[in-house]
C-alpha atoms as a PDB file:
ATOM      1  CA  MET A   1       0.000   0.000   0.000  1.00  0.00           C
ATOM      2  CA  SER A   2       2.729   2.541   1.008  1.00  0.00           C
ATOM      3  CA  PHE A   3       6.264   2.613   2.389  1.00  0.00           C
ATOM      4  CA  LEU A   4       4.960   4.786   5.232  1.00  0.00           C
ATOM      5  CA  GLU A   5       2.833   3.796   8.204  1.00  0.00           C
ATOM      6  CA  THR A   6      -0.512   5.573   7.938  1.00  0.00           C
ATOM      7  CA  ILE A   7      -3.487   6.028  10.235  1.00  0.00           C
ATOM      8  CA  SER A   8      -5.915   3.119  10.141  1.00  0.00           C
ATOM      9  CA  GLU A   9      -9.590   3.700   9.509  1.00  0.00           C
ATOM     10  CA  ALA A  10     -10.367   2.483  13.038  1.00  0.00           C
ATOM     11  CA  SER A  11      -7.893   4.965  14.579  1.00  0.00           C
ATOM     12  CA  ALA A  12      -8.869   7.987  12.479  1.00  0.00           C
ATOM     13  CA  GLU A  13     -10.034  11.100  14.343  1.00  0.00           C
ATOM     14  CA  GLY A  14     -10.788  14.722  13.493  1.00  0.00           C
ATOM     15  CA  ASP A  15      -9.805  15.825   9.980  1.00  0.00           C
ATOM     16  CA  VAL A  16      -8.490  12.368   9.092  1.00  0.00           C
ATOM     17  CA  ALA A  17     -11.789  10.708  10.034  1.00  0.00           C
ATOM     18  CA  ALA A  18     -13.681  13.345   8.033  1.00  0.00           C
ATOM     19  CA  ILE A  19     -11.427  12.822   4.997  1.00  0.00           C
ATOM     20  CA  TYR A  20     -11.857   9.067   5.194  1.00  0.00           C
ATOM     21  CA  GLU A  21     -15.628   9.401   5.462  1.00  0.00           C
ATOM     22  CA  ARG A  22     -15.860  11.811   2.501  1.00  0.00           C
ATOM     23  CA  ASP A  23     -13.597   9.740   0.279  1.00  0.00           C
ATOM     24  CA  ILE A  24     -15.413   6.487   1.057  1.00  0.00           C
ATOM     25  CA  GLU A  25     -18.702   8.218   0.239  1.00  0.00           C
ATOM     26  CA  ARG A  26     -17.220   9.654  -2.987  1.00  0.00           C
ATOM     27  CA  VAL A  27     -15.617   6.479  -4.429  1.00  0.00           C
ATOM     28  CA  GLY A  28     -17.167   3.639  -2.418  1.00  0.00           C
ATOM     29  CA  TYR A  29     -13.995   2.515  -0.596  1.00  0.00           C
ATOM     30  CA  LEU A  30     -11.025   4.050   1.234  1.00  0.00           C
ATOM     31  CA  PRO A  31      -8.394   4.856  -1.405  1.00  0.00           C
ATOM     32  CA  ASN A  32      -4.733   4.308  -0.665  1.00  0.00           C
ATOM     33  CA  TYR A  33      -4.000   7.977  -1.403  1.00  0.00           C
ATOM     34  CA  SER A  34      -6.422   9.004   1.369  1.00  0.00           C
ATOM     35  CA  ARG A  35      -4.578   6.741   3.791  1.00  0.00           C
ATOM     36  CA  LEU A  36      -1.266   8.294   2.758  1.00  0.00           C
ATOM     37  CA  PHE A  37      -2.492  11.832   3.373  1.00  0.00           C
ATOM     38  CA  SER A  38      -3.656  10.840   6.856  1.00  0.00           C
ATOM     39  CA  LEU A  39      -0.069  11.819   7.729  1.00  0.00           C
ATOM     40  CA  HIS A  40      -0.767  15.426   6.668  1.00  0.00           C
ATOM     41  CA  PRO A  41      -4.507  16.098   6.327  1.00  0.00           C
ATOM     42  CA  GLU A  42      -4.030  19.846   5.898  1.00  0.00           C
ATOM     43  CA  ALA A  43      -1.982  19.221   2.749  1.00  0.00           C
ATOM     44  CA  TYR A  44      -4.668  16.874   1.421  1.00  0.00           C
ATOM     45  CA  LEU A  45      -7.427  19.404   2.050  1.00  0.00           C
ATOM     46  CA  ALA A  46      -5.351  22.079   0.307  1.00  0.00           C
ATOM     47  CA  TRP A  47      -4.788  19.672  -2.609  1.00  0.00           C
ATOM     48  CA  ARG A  48      -8.523  18.981  -2.907  1.00  0.00           C
ATOM     49  CA  GLY A  49      -9.169  22.732  -2.978  1.00  0.00           C
ATOM     50  CA  LEU A  50      -6.467  23.344  -5.592  1.00  0.00           C
ATOM     51  CA  ILE A  51      -7.447  20.503  -7.912  1.00  0.00           C
ATOM     52  CA  GLY A  52     -11.110  21.480  -7.629  1.00  0.00           C
ATOM     53  CA  ALA A  53     -10.284  25.069  -8.576  1.00  0.00           C
ATOM     54  CA  ILE A  54      -8.326  23.827 -11.599  1.00  0.00           C
ATOM     55  CA  ALA A  55     -10.792  21.178 -12.789  1.00  0.00           C
ATOM     56  CA  ARG A  56     -14.141  22.933 -12.233  1.00  0.00           C
ATOM     57  CA  PRO A  57     -13.868  25.552 -14.995  1.00  0.00           C
ATOM     58  CA  MET A  58     -12.316  23.116 -17.491  1.00  0.00           C
ATOM     59  CA  ASP A  59     -14.191  20.936 -19.923  1.00  0.00           C
ATOM     60  CA  GLU A  60     -14.116  17.551 -18.143  1.00  0.00           C
ATOM     61  CA  ARG A  61     -12.882  15.616 -21.163  1.00  0.00           C
ATOM     62  CA  ARG A  62      -9.996  18.064 -21.653  1.00  0.00           C
ATOM     63  CA  TYR A  63      -9.137  17.953 -17.959  1.00  0.00           C
ATOM     64  CA  GLU A  64      -9.018  14.153 -17.961  1.00  0.00           C
ATOM     65  CA  LEU A  65      -6.914  14.066 -21.149  1.00  0.00           C
ATOM     66  CA  ALA A  66      -4.433  16.553 -19.676  1.00  0.00           C
ATOM     67  CA  THR A  67      -4.309  14.545 -16.466  1.00  0.00           C
ATOM     68  CA  VAL A  68      -3.684  11.230 -18.232  1.00  0.00           C
ATOM     69  CA  GLY A  69      -1.123  12.898 -20.495  1.00  0.00           C
ATOM     70  CA  ALA A  70       0.824  14.088 -17.465  1.00  0.00           C
ATOM     71  CA  ALA A  71       0.321  10.925 -15.389  1.00  0.00           C
ATOM     72  CA  SER A  72       1.403   8.552 -18.143  1.00  0.00           C
ATOM     73  CA  ARG A  73       4.538  10.610 -18.846  1.00  0.00           C
ATOM     74  CA  LEU A  74       5.316  10.604 -15.110  1.00  0.00           C
ATOM     75  CA  ARG A  75       4.869   6.810 -15.138  1.00  0.00           C
ATOM     76  CA  SER A  76       2.235   7.128 -12.427  1.00  0.00           C
ATOM     77  CA  THR A  77       0.176   3.965 -12.568  1.00  0.00           C
ATOM     78  CA  TYR A  78      -2.199   5.141  -9.846  1.00  0.00           C
ATOM     79  CA  CYS A  79      -3.131   8.414 -11.563  1.00  0.00           C
ATOM     80  CA  SER A  80      -3.115   6.891 -15.055  1.00  0.00           C
ATOM     81  CA  LEU A  81      -5.538   4.191 -13.940  1.00  0.00           C
ATOM     82  CA  ALA A  82      -7.833   6.514 -12.004  1.00  0.00           C
ATOM     83  CA  HIS A  83      -8.165   9.072 -14.769  1.00  0.00           C
ATOM     84  CA  GLY A  84      -7.892   6.626 -17.658  1.00  0.00           C
ATOM     85  CA  LYS A  85     -10.870   4.827 -16.156  1.00  0.00           C
ATOM     86  CA  ILE A  86     -12.843   8.078 -16.209  1.00  0.00           C
ATOM     87  CA  LEU A  87     -11.949   8.546 -19.882  1.00  0.00           C
ATOM     88  CA  ALA A  88     -13.089   4.973 -20.613  1.00  0.00           C
ATOM     89  CA  ASP A  89     -16.275   5.316 -18.570  1.00  0.00           C
ATOM     90  CA  LYS A  90     -17.366   8.677 -19.993  1.00  0.00           C
ATOM     91  CA  PHE A  91     -15.672   9.560 -23.262  1.00  0.00           C
ATOM     92  CA  PHE A  92     -13.938   6.727 -25.125  1.00  0.00           C
ATOM     93  CA  GLU A  93     -13.970   2.979 -25.594  1.00  0.00           C
ATOM     94  CA  SER A  94     -11.444   1.123 -23.415  1.00  0.00           C
ATOM     95  CA  ALA A  95      -9.298   0.221 -26.412  1.00  0.00           C
ATOM     96  CA  GLU A  96      -9.234   3.875 -27.493  1.00  0.00           C
ATOM     97  CA  VAL A  97      -7.927   4.983 -24.090  1.00  0.00           C
ATOM     98  CA  GLY A  98      -5.116   2.444 -24.381  1.00  0.00           C
ATOM     99  CA  GLU A  99      -4.267   3.808 -27.847  1.00  0.00           C
ATOM    100  CA  ILE A 100      -4.294   7.373 -26.535  1.00  0.00           C
ATOM    101  CA  VAL A 101      -1.704   6.528 -23.889  1.00  0.00           C
ATOM    102  CA  GLU A 102       0.457   4.398 -26.156  1.00  0.00           C
ATOM    103  CA  ASN A 103       0.293   6.527 -29.314  1.00  0.00           C
ATOM    104  CA  PRO A 104      -1.749   9.742 -29.011  1.00  0.00           C
ATOM    105  CA  ASP A 105      -1.013  10.803 -32.608  1.00  0.00           C
ATOM    106  CA  ALA A 106      -2.629   7.652 -34.011  1.00  0.00           C
ATOM    107  CA  SER A 107      -5.555   7.592 -31.610  1.00  0.00           C
ATOM    108  CA  ALA A 108      -9.181   8.712 -31.480  1.00  0.00           C
ATOM    109  CA  LEU A 109      -8.138  12.212 -30.374  1.00  0.00           C
ATOM    110  CA  ASP A 110      -8.969  15.171 -32.570  1.00  0.00           C
ATOM    111  CA  GLU A 111      -6.265  17.757 -33.315  1.00  0.00           C
ATOM    112  CA  VAL A 112      -6.991  19.938 -30.274  1.00  0.00           C
ATOM    113  CA  GLU A 113      -7.133  16.960 -27.911  1.00  0.00           C
ATOM    114  CA  ALA A 114      -3.848  15.580 -29.245  1.00  0.00           C
ATOM    115  CA  LEU A 115      -2.201  18.971 -28.686  1.00  0.00           C
ATOM    116  CA  ILE A 116      -3.608  19.127 -25.133  1.00  0.00           C
ATOM    117  CA  PHE A 117      -2.315  15.620 -24.372  1.00  0.00           C
ATOM    118  CA  GLU A 118       1.097  16.509 -25.824  1.00  0.00           C
ATOM    119  CA  LEU A 119       1.376  19.780 -23.876  1.00  0.00           C
ATOM    120  CA  ALA A 120       0.430  18.085 -20.601  1.00  0.00           C
ATOM    121  CA  ALA A 121       3.019  15.358 -21.207  1.00  0.00           C
ATOM    122  CA  LYS A 122       5.707  17.969 -21.958  1.00  0.00           C
ATOM    123  CA  VAL A 123       4.871  19.938 -18.806  1.00  0.00           C
ATOM    124  CA  ALA A 124       5.155  16.779 -16.708  1.00  0.00           C
ATOM    125  CA  ASP A 125       8.317  15.533 -18.412  1.00  0.00           C
ATOM    126  CA  ASP A 126      10.329  18.737 -18.800  1.00  0.00           C
ATOM    127  CA  ALA A 127       8.485  22.030 -18.518  1.00  0.00           C
ATOM    128  CA  THR A 128      11.495  23.865 -19.967  1.00  0.00           C
ATOM    129  CA  SER A 129      10.928  21.988 -23.240  1.00  0.00           C
ATOM    130  CA  VAL A 130       7.609  23.789 -23.793  1.00  0.00           C
ATOM    131  CA  SER A 131       8.180  26.328 -26.543  1.00  0.00           C
ATOM    132  CA  ASP A 132       6.389  29.373 -27.871  1.00  0.00           C
ATOM    133  CA  GLU A 133       5.563  27.262 -30.936  1.00  0.00           C
ATOM    134  CA  ASP A 134       3.788  24.695 -28.727  1.00  0.00           C
ATOM    135  CA  ILE A 135       1.602  27.482 -27.377  1.00  0.00           C
ATOM    136  CA  GLU A 136       1.030  28.991 -30.828  1.00  0.00           C
ATOM    137  CA  ARG A 137      -0.130  25.624 -32.191  1.00  0.00           C
ATOM    138  CA  LEU A 138      -2.747  25.476 -29.436  1.00  0.00           C
ATOM    139  CA  ARG A 139      -3.840  29.037 -30.185  1.00  0.00           C
ATOM    140  CA  ARG A 140      -4.129  28.243 -33.914  1.00  0.00           C
ATOM    141  CA  ALA A 141      -6.242  25.205 -32.972  1.00  0.00           C
ATOM    142  CA  GLY A 142      -8.689  27.531 -31.210  1.00  0.00           C
ATOM    143  CA  LEU A 143      -7.644  27.481 -27.550  1.00  0.00           C
ATOM    144  CA  SER A 144      -7.553  30.724 -25.605  1.00  0.00           C
ATOM    145  CA  ASP A 145      -4.621  31.584 -23.379  1.00  0.00           C
ATOM    146  CA  ARG A 146      -6.838  30.724 -20.388  1.00  0.00           C
ATOM    147  CA  ASP A 147      -7.556  27.293 -21.913  1.00  0.00           C
ATOM    148  CA  ILE A 148      -3.837  26.701 -22.396  1.00  0.00           C
ATOM    149  CA  PHE A 149      -3.043  27.873 -18.869  1.00  0.00           C
ATOM    150  CA  ASP A 150      -5.664  25.464 -17.488  1.00  0.00           C
ATOM    151  CA  VAL A 151      -3.914  22.554 -19.251  1.00  0.00           C
ATOM    152  CA  VAL A 152      -0.583  23.652 -17.752  1.00  0.00           C
ATOM    153  CA  LEU A 153      -2.179  23.905 -14.298  1.00  0.00           C
ATOM    154  CA  ALA A 154      -3.739  20.428 -14.610  1.00  0.00           C
ATOM    155  CA  ALA A 155      -0.440  18.871 -15.674  1.00  0.00           C
ATOM    156  CA  ALA A 156       1.619  20.650 -13.019  1.00  0.00           C
ATOM    157  CA  ALA A 157      -0.843  19.750 -10.268  1.00  0.00           C
ATOM    158  CA  ARG A 158      -0.837  16.115 -11.423  1.00  0.00           C
ATOM    159  CA  SER A 159       2.955  16.157 -11.211  1.00  0.00           C
ATOM    160  CA  PHE A 160       2.714  17.043  -7.527  1.00  0.00           C
ATOM    161  CA  PHE A 161       0.183  14.355  -6.666  1.00  0.00           C
ATOM    162  CA  SER A 162       1.757  11.601  -8.783  1.00  0.00           C
ATOM    163  CA  LYS A 163       5.217  12.244  -7.392  1.00  0.00           C
ATOM    164  CA  VAL A 164       3.937  12.186  -3.812  1.00  0.00           C
ATOM    165  CA  LEU A 165       2.248   8.821  -4.395  1.00  0.00           C
ATOM    166  CA  ASP A 166       5.176   7.227  -6.204  1.00  0.00           C
ATOM    167  CA  ALA A 167       7.849   8.588  -3.852  1.00  0.00           C
ATOM    168  CA  THR A 168       6.033   6.962  -0.926  1.00  0.00           C
ATOM    169  CA  GLY A 169       5.355   3.657  -2.704  1.00  0.00           C
ATOM    170  CA  THR A 170       1.600   4.220  -2.591  1.00  0.00           C
ATOM    171  CA  LEU A 171       0.111   1.618  -4.918  1.00  0.00           C
ATOM    172  CA  ALA A 172      -3.045   1.876  -6.981  1.00  0.00           C
ATOM    173  CA  ASP A 173      -6.083   0.414  -5.251  1.00  0.00           C
ATOM    174  CA  PRO A 174      -6.877  -3.272  -5.923  1.00  0.00           C
ATOM    175  CA  VAL A 175     -10.184  -2.245  -7.548  1.00  0.00           C
ATOM    176  CA  TYR A 176      -8.224  -1.286 -10.673  1.00  0.00           C
ATOM    177  CA  SER A 177      -7.379  -4.964 -11.195  1.00  0.00           C
ATOM    178  CA  GLU A 178     -10.981  -5.339 -12.340  1.00  0.00           C
ATOM    179  CA  LEU A 179     -10.506  -3.080 -15.382  1.00  0.00           C
ATOM    180  CA  ASP A 180     -10.503  -4.481 -18.893  1.00  0.00           C
ATOM    181  CA  PRO A 181      -7.142  -6.327 -19.082  1.00  0.00           C
ATOM    182  CA  GLU A 182      -5.873  -4.425 -22.150  1.00  0.00           C
ATOM    183  CA  LEU A 183      -6.790  -1.063 -20.629  1.00  0.00           C
ATOM    184  CA  ARG A 184      -5.247  -2.046 -17.294  1.00  0.00           C
ATOM    185  CA  GLN A 185      -2.028  -3.055 -19.037  1.00  0.00           C
ATOM    186  CA  ALA A 186      -1.850   0.181 -21.055  1.00  0.00           C
ATOM    187  CA  LEU A 187      -2.385   2.294 -17.929  1.00  0.00           C
ATOM    188  CA  THR A 188       0.037   0.374 -15.690  1.00  0.00           C
ATOM    189  CA  VAL A 189       2.960   2.595 -16.608  1.00  0.00           C
ATOM    190  CA  GLY A 190       5.023   2.418 -13.415  1.00  0.00           C
ATOM    191  CA  ARG A 191       4.422   0.744 -10.062  1.00  0.00           C
ATOM    192  CA  PRO A 192       2.042  -2.235  -9.998  1.00  0.00           C
ATOM    193  CA  ILE A 193      -1.509  -2.294  -8.716  1.00  0.00           C
ATOM    194  CA  GLU A 194      -1.718  -3.366  -5.067  1.00  0.00           C
ATOM    195  CA  GLY A 195      -2.023  -7.141  -4.825  1.00  0.00           C
ATOM    196  CA  THR A 196      -0.718  -7.895  -8.336  1.00  0.00           C
END
Protein backbone atom coordinates (compact mmCIF):
# COMPACT_ATOMS: atom_id res chain seq x y z
CA MET A 1 0.00 0.00 0.00
CA SER A 2 2.73 2.54 1.01
CA PHE A 3 6.26 2.61 2.39
CA LEU A 4 4.96 4.79 5.23
CA GLU A 5 2.83 3.80 8.20
CA THR A 6 -0.51 5.57 7.94
CA ILE A 7 -3.49 6.03 10.24
CA SER A 8 -5.92 3.12 10.14
CA GLU A 9 -9.59 3.70 9.51
CA ALA A 10 -10.37 2.48 13.04
CA SER A 11 -7.89 4.97 14.58
CA ALA A 12 -8.87 7.99 12.48
CA GLU A 13 -10.03 11.10 14.34
CA GLY A 14 -10.79 14.72 13.49
CA ASP A 15 -9.80 15.82 9.98
CA VAL A 16 -8.49 12.37 9.09
CA ALA A 17 -11.79 10.71 10.03
CA ALA A 18 -13.68 13.34 8.03
CA ILE A 19 -11.43 12.82 5.00
CA TYR A 20 -11.86 9.07 5.19
CA GLU A 21 -15.63 9.40 5.46
CA ARG A 22 -15.86 11.81 2.50
CA ASP A 23 -13.60 9.74 0.28
CA ILE A 24 -15.41 6.49 1.06
CA GLU A 25 -18.70 8.22 0.24
CA ARG A 26 -17.22 9.65 -2.99
CA VAL A 27 -15.62 6.48 -4.43
CA GLY A 28 -17.17 3.64 -2.42
CA TYR A 29 -13.99 2.52 -0.60
CA LEU A 30 -11.03 4.05 1.23
CA PRO A 31 -8.39 4.86 -1.41
CA ASN A 32 -4.73 4.31 -0.66
CA TYR A 33 -4.00 7.98 -1.40
CA SER A 34 -6.42 9.00 1.37
CA ARG A 35 -4.58 6.74 3.79
CA LEU A 36 -1.27 8.29 2.76
CA PHE A 37 -2.49 11.83 3.37
CA SER A 38 -3.66 10.84 6.86
CA LEU A 39 -0.07 11.82 7.73
CA HIS A 40 -0.77 15.43 6.67
CA PRO A 41 -4.51 16.10 6.33
CA GLU A 42 -4.03 19.85 5.90
CA ALA A 43 -1.98 19.22 2.75
CA TYR A 44 -4.67 16.87 1.42
CA LEU A 45 -7.43 19.40 2.05
CA ALA A 46 -5.35 22.08 0.31
CA TRP A 47 -4.79 19.67 -2.61
CA ARG A 48 -8.52 18.98 -2.91
CA GLY A 49 -9.17 22.73 -2.98
CA LEU A 50 -6.47 23.34 -5.59
CA ILE A 51 -7.45 20.50 -7.91
CA GLY A 52 -11.11 21.48 -7.63
CA ALA A 53 -10.28 25.07 -8.58
CA ILE A 54 -8.33 23.83 -11.60
CA ALA A 55 -10.79 21.18 -12.79
CA ARG A 56 -14.14 22.93 -12.23
CA PRO A 57 -13.87 25.55 -14.99
CA MET A 58 -12.32 23.12 -17.49
CA ASP A 59 -14.19 20.94 -19.92
CA GLU A 60 -14.12 17.55 -18.14
CA ARG A 61 -12.88 15.62 -21.16
CA ARG A 62 -10.00 18.06 -21.65
CA TYR A 63 -9.14 17.95 -17.96
CA GLU A 64 -9.02 14.15 -17.96
CA LEU A 65 -6.91 14.07 -21.15
CA ALA A 66 -4.43 16.55 -19.68
CA THR A 67 -4.31 14.55 -16.47
CA VAL A 68 -3.68 11.23 -18.23
CA GLY A 69 -1.12 12.90 -20.49
CA ALA A 70 0.82 14.09 -17.46
CA ALA A 71 0.32 10.93 -15.39
CA SER A 72 1.40 8.55 -18.14
CA ARG A 73 4.54 10.61 -18.85
CA LEU A 74 5.32 10.60 -15.11
CA ARG A 75 4.87 6.81 -15.14
CA SER A 76 2.23 7.13 -12.43
CA THR A 77 0.18 3.96 -12.57
CA TYR A 78 -2.20 5.14 -9.85
CA CYS A 79 -3.13 8.41 -11.56
CA SER A 80 -3.12 6.89 -15.05
CA LEU A 81 -5.54 4.19 -13.94
CA ALA A 82 -7.83 6.51 -12.00
CA HIS A 83 -8.17 9.07 -14.77
CA GLY A 84 -7.89 6.63 -17.66
CA LYS A 85 -10.87 4.83 -16.16
CA ILE A 86 -12.84 8.08 -16.21
CA LEU A 87 -11.95 8.55 -19.88
CA ALA A 88 -13.09 4.97 -20.61
CA ASP A 89 -16.28 5.32 -18.57
CA LYS A 90 -17.37 8.68 -19.99
CA PHE A 91 -15.67 9.56 -23.26
CA PHE A 92 -13.94 6.73 -25.12
CA GLU A 93 -13.97 2.98 -25.59
CA SER A 94 -11.44 1.12 -23.42
CA ALA A 95 -9.30 0.22 -26.41
CA GLU A 96 -9.23 3.88 -27.49
CA VAL A 97 -7.93 4.98 -24.09
CA GLY A 98 -5.12 2.44 -24.38
CA GLU A 99 -4.27 3.81 -27.85
CA ILE A 100 -4.29 7.37 -26.54
CA VAL A 101 -1.70 6.53 -23.89
CA GLU A 102 0.46 4.40 -26.16
CA ASN A 103 0.29 6.53 -29.31
CA PRO A 104 -1.75 9.74 -29.01
CA ASP A 105 -1.01 10.80 -32.61
CA ALA A 106 -2.63 7.65 -34.01
CA SER A 107 -5.55 7.59 -31.61
CA ALA A 108 -9.18 8.71 -31.48
CA LEU A 109 -8.14 12.21 -30.37
CA ASP A 110 -8.97 15.17 -32.57
CA GLU A 111 -6.27 17.76 -33.31
CA VAL A 112 -6.99 19.94 -30.27
CA GLU A 113 -7.13 16.96 -27.91
CA ALA A 114 -3.85 15.58 -29.24
CA LEU A 115 -2.20 18.97 -28.69
CA ILE A 116 -3.61 19.13 -25.13
CA PHE A 117 -2.31 15.62 -24.37
CA GLU A 118 1.10 16.51 -25.82
CA LEU A 119 1.38 19.78 -23.88
CA ALA A 120 0.43 18.08 -20.60
CA ALA A 121 3.02 15.36 -21.21
CA LYS A 122 5.71 17.97 -21.96
CA VAL A 123 4.87 19.94 -18.81
CA ALA A 124 5.16 16.78 -16.71
CA ASP A 125 8.32 15.53 -18.41
CA ASP A 126 10.33 18.74 -18.80
CA ALA A 127 8.49 22.03 -18.52
CA THR A 128 11.50 23.86 -19.97
CA SER A 129 10.93 21.99 -23.24
CA VAL A 130 7.61 23.79 -23.79
CA SER A 131 8.18 26.33 -26.54
CA ASP A 132 6.39 29.37 -27.87
CA GLU A 133 5.56 27.26 -30.94
CA ASP A 134 3.79 24.69 -28.73
CA ILE A 135 1.60 27.48 -27.38
CA GLU A 136 1.03 28.99 -30.83
CA ARG A 137 -0.13 25.62 -32.19
CA LEU A 138 -2.75 25.48 -29.44
CA ARG A 139 -3.84 29.04 -30.18
CA ARG A 140 -4.13 28.24 -33.91
CA ALA A 141 -6.24 25.21 -32.97
CA GLY A 142 -8.69 27.53 -31.21
CA LEU A 143 -7.64 27.48 -27.55
CA SER A 144 -7.55 30.72 -25.60
CA ASP A 145 -4.62 31.58 -23.38
CA ARG A 146 -6.84 30.72 -20.39
CA ASP A 147 -7.56 27.29 -21.91
CA ILE A 148 -3.84 26.70 -22.40
CA PHE A 149 -3.04 27.87 -18.87
CA ASP A 150 -5.66 25.46 -17.49
CA VAL A 151 -3.91 22.55 -19.25
CA VAL A 152 -0.58 23.65 -17.75
CA LEU A 153 -2.18 23.91 -14.30
CA ALA A 154 -3.74 20.43 -14.61
CA ALA A 155 -0.44 18.87 -15.67
CA ALA A 156 1.62 20.65 -13.02
CA ALA A 157 -0.84 19.75 -10.27
CA ARG A 158 -0.84 16.11 -11.42
CA SER A 159 2.95 16.16 -11.21
CA PHE A 160 2.71 17.04 -7.53
CA PHE A 161 0.18 14.36 -6.67
CA SER A 162 1.76 11.60 -8.78
CA LYS A 163 5.22 12.24 -7.39
CA VAL A 164 3.94 12.19 -3.81
CA LEU A 165 2.25 8.82 -4.40
CA ASP A 166 5.18 7.23 -6.20
CA ALA A 167 7.85 8.59 -3.85
CA THR A 168 6.03 6.96 -0.93
CA GLY A 169 5.35 3.66 -2.70
CA THR A 170 1.60 4.22 -2.59
CA LEU A 171 0.11 1.62 -4.92
CA ALA A 172 -3.04 1.88 -6.98
CA ASP A 173 -6.08 0.41 -5.25
CA PRO A 174 -6.88 -3.27 -5.92
CA VAL A 175 -10.18 -2.24 -7.55
CA TYR A 176 -8.22 -1.29 -10.67
CA SER A 177 -7.38 -4.96 -11.20
CA GLU A 178 -10.98 -5.34 -12.34
CA LEU A 179 -10.51 -3.08 -15.38
CA ASP A 180 -10.50 -4.48 -18.89
CA PRO A 181 -7.14 -6.33 -19.08
CA GLU A 182 -5.87 -4.43 -22.15
CA LEU A 183 -6.79 -1.06 -20.63
CA ARG A 184 -5.25 -2.05 -17.29
CA GLN A 185 -2.03 -3.05 -19.04
CA ALA A 186 -1.85 0.18 -21.06
CA LEU A 187 -2.39 2.29 -17.93
CA THR A 188 0.04 0.37 -15.69
CA VAL A 189 2.96 2.60 -16.61
CA GLY A 190 5.02 2.42 -13.42
CA ARG A 191 4.42 0.74 -10.06
CA PRO A 192 2.04 -2.23 -10.00
CA ILE A 193 -1.51 -2.29 -8.72
CA GLU A 194 -1.72 -3.37 -5.07
CA GLY A 195 -2.02 -7.14 -4.83
CA THR A 196 -0.72 -7.90 -8.34
